[in-house]
């Protein structure tokens, strides 16, 4: 009987560990999705700023410098 209860408690501990690992994985995926969404917003912002810069006189200087590299 003692062996059976020990096996059950070990099984429960493993189950809890698996649940914790799975939860960490889900949280990681959610964080990655949030980061991707944030990065997309940043890319849109950067493209808007770069378009505005290339239309200004400073932009032509920046474009010339970029062409050197």
N, C-alpha and C. Protein backbone atom coordinates (compact mmCIF):
# COMPACT_ATOMS: atom_id res chain seq x y z
N UNK A 1 0.83 -1.20 0.00
CA UNK A 1 0.00 0.00 0.00
C UNK A 1 0.87 1.26 0.00
N UNK A 2 1.96 1.18 0.79
CA UNK A 2 2.85 2.34 0.85
C UNK A 2 3.51 2.58 -0.51
N UNK A 3 3.88 1.48 -1.18
CA UNK A 3 4.50 1.58 -2.49
C UNK A 3 3.55 2.23 -3.49
N UNK A 4 2.28 1.84 -3.40
CA UNK A 4 1.28 2.39 -4.32
C UNK A 4 1.12 3.90 -4.11
N UNK A 5 1.05 4.33 -2.86
CA UNK A 5 0.90 5.76 -2.59
C UNK A 5 2.15 6.53 -3.02
N UNK A 6 3.33 5.89 -2.86
CA UNK A 6 4.58 6.53 -3.30
C UNK A 6 4.61 6.69 -4.82
N UNK A 7 4.16 5.65 -5.54
CA UNK A 7 4.10 5.72 -7.00
C UNK A 7 3.12 6.80 -7.45
N UNK A 8 1.98 6.89 -6.79
CA UNK A 8 0.98 7.91 -7.13
C UNK A 8 1.56 9.30 -6.90
N UNK A 9 2.26 9.49 -5.78
CA UNK A 9 2.81 10.82 -5.50
C UNK A 9 3.91 11.18 -6.51
N UNK A 10 4.73 10.18 -6.92
CA UNK A 10 5.75 10.44 -7.95
C UNK A 10 5.09 10.81 -9.27
N UNK A 11 4.01 10.08 -9.61
CA UNK A 11 3.30 10.36 -10.85
C UNK A 11 2.72 11.77 -10.82
N UNK A 12 2.15 12.15 -9.67
CA UNK A 12 1.58 13.49 -9.53
C UNK A 12 2.66 14.57 -9.66
N UNK A 13 3.83 14.31 -9.08
CA UNK A 13 4.93 15.28 -9.19
C UNK A 13 5.37 15.44 -10.64
N UNK A 14 5.46 14.31 -11.35
CA UNK A 14 5.84 14.38 -12.77
C UNK A 14 4.78 15.12 -13.57
N UNK A 15 3.52 14.85 -13.23
CA UNK A 15 2.42 15.51 -13.93
C UNK A 15 2.49 17.03 -13.71
N UNK A 16 2.76 17.42 -12.47
CA UNK A 16 2.86 18.85 -12.15
C UNK A 16 4.04 19.48 -12.89
N UNK A 17 5.18 18.76 -12.93
CA UNK A 17 6.34 19.28 -13.67
C UNK A 17 6.00 19.48 -15.14
N UNK A 18 5.31 18.48 -15.73
CA UNK A 18 4.92 18.60 -17.14
C UNK A 18 3.99 19.79 -17.35
N UNK A 19 3.05 19.97 -16.43
CA UNK A 19 2.13 21.10 -16.55
C UNK A 19 2.87 22.42 -16.47
N UNK A 20 3.84 22.50 -15.56
CA UNK A 20 4.62 23.74 -15.41
C UNK A 20 5.43 24.01 -16.68
N UNK A 21 6.06 22.94 -17.22
CA UNK A 21 6.86 23.11 -18.44
C UNK A 21 5.97 23.53 -19.60
N UNK A 22 4.79 22.91 -19.71
CA UNK A 22 3.86 23.28 -20.78
C UNK A 22 3.39 24.72 -20.62
N UNK A 23 3.11 25.13 -19.38
CA UNK A 23 2.68 26.51 -19.14
C UNK A 23 3.79 27.49 -19.52
N UNK A 24 5.03 27.14 -19.20
CA UNK A 24 6.15 28.01 -19.56
C UNK A 24 6.27 28.11 -21.08
N UNK A 25 6.03 26.99 -21.77
CA UNK A 25 6.07 27.00 -23.23
C UNK A 25 5.00 27.90 -23.81
N UNK A 26 3.79 27.80 -23.26
CA UNK A 26 2.68 28.64 -23.74
C UNK A 26 2.99 30.11 -23.49
N UNK A 27 3.51 30.41 -22.31
CA UNK A 27 3.86 31.80 -21.98
C UNK A 27 4.94 32.31 -22.94
N UNK A 28 5.91 31.44 -23.25
CA UNK A 28 6.96 31.82 -24.19
C UNK A 28 6.41 32.14 -25.57
N UNK A 29 5.46 31.32 -26.02
CA UNK A 29 4.85 31.55 -27.33
C UNK A 29 4.08 32.87 -27.33
N UNK A 30 3.35 33.15 -26.25
CA UNK A 30 2.59 34.40 -26.15
C UNK A 30 3.53 35.60 -26.19
N UNK A 31 4.63 35.50 -25.43
CA UNK A 31 5.61 36.60 -25.42
C UNK A 31 6.21 36.79 -26.82
N UNK A 32 6.50 35.68 -27.50
CA UNK A 32 7.05 35.78 -28.86
C UNK A 32 6.06 36.44 -29.81
N UNK A 33 4.77 36.09 -29.70
CA UNK A 33 3.76 36.70 -30.56
C UNK A 33 3.65 38.19 -30.30
N UNK A 34 3.68 38.57 -29.01
CA UNK A 34 3.62 40.00 -28.67
C UNK A 34 4.84 40.72 -29.25
N UNK A 35 6.01 40.09 -29.13
CA UNK A 35 7.23 40.71 -29.67
C UNK A 35 7.15 40.87 -31.18
N UNK A 36 6.58 39.86 -31.86
CA UNK A 36 6.44 39.94 -33.32
C UNK A 36 5.50 41.08 -33.69
N UNK A 37 4.38 41.18 -32.98
CA UNK A 37 3.43 42.26 -33.27
C UNK A 37 4.07 43.62 -33.04
N UNK A 38 4.82 43.75 -31.94
CA UNK A 38 5.50 45.00 -31.63
C UNK A 38 6.54 45.31 -32.70
N UNK A 39 7.26 44.29 -33.15
CA UNK A 39 8.29 44.49 -34.17
C UNK A 39 7.66 44.95 -35.48
N UNK A 40 6.50 44.40 -35.83
CA UNK A 40 5.83 44.81 -37.06
C UNK A 40 5.45 46.29 -37.00
N UNK A 41 4.96 46.72 -35.83
CA UNK A 41 4.64 48.14 -35.67
C UNK A 41 5.89 48.99 -35.84
N UNK A 42 7.00 48.52 -35.27
CA UNK A 42 8.25 49.27 -35.38
C UNK A 42 8.72 49.34 -36.82
N UNK A 43 8.58 48.25 -37.56
CA UNK A 43 9.00 48.24 -38.97
C UNK A 43 8.18 49.24 -39.76
N UNK A 44 6.87 49.28 -39.51
CA UNK A 44 6.02 50.24 -40.21
C UNK A 44 6.45 51.67 -39.88
N UNK A 45 6.76 51.91 -38.61
CA UNK A 45 7.19 53.24 -38.18
C UNK A 45 8.51 53.60 -38.85
N UNK A 46 9.44 52.65 -38.88
CA UNK A 46 10.75 52.91 -39.49
C UNK A 46 10.60 53.20 -40.98
N UNK A 47 9.73 52.44 -41.66
CA UNK A 47 9.56 52.69 -43.10
C UNK A 47 8.93 54.05 -43.34
N UNK A 48 7.99 54.45 -42.48
CA UNK A 48 7.39 55.78 -42.63
C UNK A 48 8.44 56.86 -42.45
N UNK A 49 9.24 56.71 -41.40
CA UNK A 49 10.27 57.72 -41.12
C UNK A 49 11.28 57.76 -42.26
N UNK A 50 11.68 56.58 -42.76
CA UNK A 50 12.68 56.57 -43.84
C UNK A 50 12.11 57.16 -45.13
N UNK A 51 10.82 56.94 -45.39
CA UNK A 51 10.21 57.55 -46.57
C UNK A 51 10.19 59.07 -46.44
N UNK A 52 9.87 59.55 -45.24
CA UNK A 52 9.85 60.99 -45.02
C UNK A 52 11.26 61.57 -45.14
N UNK A 53 12.24 60.80 -44.65
CA UNK A 53 13.63 61.28 -44.73
C UNK A 53 14.12 61.35 -46.16
N UNK A 54 13.78 60.34 -46.96
CA UNK A 54 14.27 60.34 -48.34
C UNK A 54 13.64 61.45 -49.16
N UNK A 55 12.49 61.95 -48.73
CA UNK A 55 11.86 63.05 -49.46
C UNK A 55 12.43 64.40 -49.05
N UNK A 56 13.14 64.44 -47.93
CA UNK A 56 13.71 65.71 -47.48
C UNK A 56 15.13 65.87 -48.01
N UNK A 57 15.69 67.07 -47.95
CA UNK A 57 17.08 67.28 -48.41
C UNK A 57 18.08 66.43 -47.62
N UNK A 58 17.79 66.24 -46.34
CA UNK A 58 18.69 65.42 -45.52
C UNK A 58 18.69 63.99 -46.05
N UNK A 59 17.52 63.56 -46.54
CA UNK A 59 17.39 62.20 -47.06
C UNK A 59 18.30 61.93 -48.23
N UNK A 60 18.49 62.94 -49.08
CA UNK A 60 19.38 62.73 -50.23
C UNK A 60 20.82 62.53 -49.77
N UNK A 61 21.20 63.22 -48.70
CA UNK A 61 22.54 63.04 -48.13
C UNK A 61 22.65 61.63 -47.55
N UNK A 62 21.61 61.21 -46.82
CA UNK A 62 21.62 59.87 -46.22
C UNK A 62 21.68 58.81 -47.32
N UNK A 63 20.91 59.00 -48.38
CA UNK A 63 20.92 58.05 -49.50
C UNK A 63 22.30 57.99 -50.14
N UNK A 64 22.95 59.13 -50.27
CA UNK A 64 24.29 59.16 -50.85
C UNK A 64 25.28 58.43 -49.96
N UNK A 65 25.15 58.62 -48.65
CA UNK A 65 26.04 57.94 -47.71
C UNK A 65 25.80 56.43 -47.76
N UNK A 66 24.51 56.04 -47.84
CA UNK A 66 24.19 54.61 -47.92
C UNK A 66 24.78 53.99 -49.17
N UNK A 67 24.75 54.72 -50.27
CA UNK A 67 25.26 54.16 -51.53
C UNK A 67 26.77 53.92 -51.47
N UNK A 68 27.46 54.64 -50.59
CA UNK A 68 28.90 54.44 -50.45
C UNK A 68 29.22 53.11 -49.80
N UNK A 69 28.32 52.62 -48.95
CA UNK A 69 28.59 51.39 -48.20
C UNK A 69 27.93 50.23 -48.80
